[in-house]
Protein backbone atom coordinates (compact mmCIF):
# COMPACT_ATOMS: atom_id res chain seq x y z
CA MET A 1 -325.32 -25.80 30.31
CA SER A 2 -328.11 -23.95 28.27
CA LEU A 3 -329.30 -25.18 24.97
CA GLU A 4 -328.38 -21.86 23.34
CA ILE A 5 -324.79 -22.27 24.45
CA VAL A 6 -324.64 -25.66 22.83
CA GLY A 7 -325.99 -23.78 19.59
CA TRP A 8 -323.00 -21.11 20.05
CA ILE A 9 -320.52 -24.07 20.39
CA GLY A 10 -321.94 -25.94 17.40
CA ALA A 11 -322.36 -22.59 15.50
CA ILE A 12 -318.33 -21.39 15.86
CA PHE A 13 -317.42 -25.10 15.09
CA LEU A 14 -319.17 -24.97 11.89
CA ALA A 15 -318.08 -21.44 11.16
CA CYS A 16 -314.40 -22.23 11.34
CA CYS A 17 -314.53 -25.39 9.22
CA GLY A 18 -313.72 -23.21 5.95
CA MET A 19 -311.09 -21.05 7.85
CA PRO A 20 -308.56 -23.89 6.99
CA GLN A 21 -309.06 -23.50 3.55
CA ALA A 22 -309.25 -19.76 3.46
CA LEU A 23 -306.18 -19.63 4.83
CA GLN A 24 -304.56 -21.67 2.59
CA SER A 25 -306.12 -19.78 -0.36
CA TRP A 26 -304.57 -16.52 1.09
CA LYS A 27 -301.13 -17.74 1.76
CA GLU A 28 -301.04 -19.64 -1.64
CA GLY A 29 -302.69 -16.76 -3.39
CA HIS A 30 -304.76 -18.80 -5.42
CA SER A 31 -308.11 -21.10 -5.11
CA ASN A 32 -306.82 -23.60 -7.79
CA GLY A 33 -307.65 -27.04 -6.00
CA LEU A 34 -311.21 -25.67 -5.13
CA SER A 35 -313.99 -26.27 -8.09
CA TRP A 36 -316.51 -23.66 -9.11
CA GLY A 37 -319.24 -26.17 -8.17
CA LEU A 38 -318.17 -26.18 -4.79
CA ILE A 39 -317.70 -22.47 -4.02
CA LEU A 40 -320.64 -21.33 -6.01
CA LEU A 41 -323.17 -24.17 -4.49
CA TRP A 42 -321.46 -23.44 -1.07
CA LEU A 43 -321.82 -19.87 -1.20
CA PHE A 44 -325.58 -19.90 -2.44
CA GLY A 45 -326.42 -22.40 -0.04
CA GLU A 46 -325.35 -19.99 2.80
CA ILE A 47 -326.84 -17.06 1.66
CA PHE A 48 -330.36 -18.50 1.04
CA THR A 49 -330.31 -20.42 4.19
CA LEU A 50 -328.99 -17.21 5.92
CA ALA A 51 -332.09 -15.28 4.23
CA TYR A 52 -334.48 -18.11 5.59
CA VAL A 53 -332.82 -17.96 9.39
CA ILE A 54 -332.71 -14.13 9.66
CA PRO A 55 -336.42 -13.86 10.58
CA THR A 56 -336.20 -16.55 13.31
CA GLY A 57 -333.58 -14.21 15.09
CA ASN A 58 -331.53 -17.57 15.62
CA LEU A 59 -328.37 -15.75 16.91
CA PRO A 60 -325.75 -18.87 16.53
CA LEU A 61 -326.88 -19.76 12.93
CA ILE A 62 -327.05 -16.09 11.71
CA PHE A 63 -323.26 -15.67 12.99
CA ASN A 64 -322.24 -19.36 11.22
CA TYR A 65 -323.85 -18.24 8.14
CA ILE A 66 -322.62 -14.56 7.90
CA PHE A 67 -318.98 -16.05 8.90
CA ASN A 68 -319.24 -18.65 6.25
CA ILE A 69 -319.99 -16.39 3.71
CA ILE A 70 -317.02 -14.45 4.73
CA VAL A 71 -314.87 -17.52 4.22
CA ILE A 72 -316.37 -18.67 0.96
CA LEU A 73 -315.60 -14.86 -0.31
CA VAL A 74 -311.95 -15.18 0.42
CA MET A 75 -311.65 -18.52 -1.56
CA LEU A 76 -313.46 -16.73 -4.13
CA ARG A 77 -311.46 -13.72 -4.30
CA TYR A 78 -308.31 -16.02 -4.93
CA LYS A 79 -310.15 -18.32 -7.31
CA ILE A 80 -311.17 -14.89 -9.75
CA TRP A 81 -307.85 -12.92 -9.01
CA PRO A 82 -305.05 -15.32 -8.08
CA ARG A 83 -302.16 -13.50 -6.71
CA LYS A 84 -299.35 -13.03 -9.08
CA THR A 85 -296.29 -14.67 -7.88
């Protein structure tokens, strides 16, 4: 197995870490259990690290950071605009 495949496997697993929480936020219509600190620090950490990694062309990491930003934006959406029940 090449080292790049190992990188892709790790990136996919890391990218999926936030999915259960994003799905829960979507199903429940809110992200009340998540602190603003967690969401904002995670989001800015992903954005800045993505900016650092893009010039390297490391596709597994670029995929991971972009996917995580999307997941965080789902949580942020339900934190700012919870669904009315």
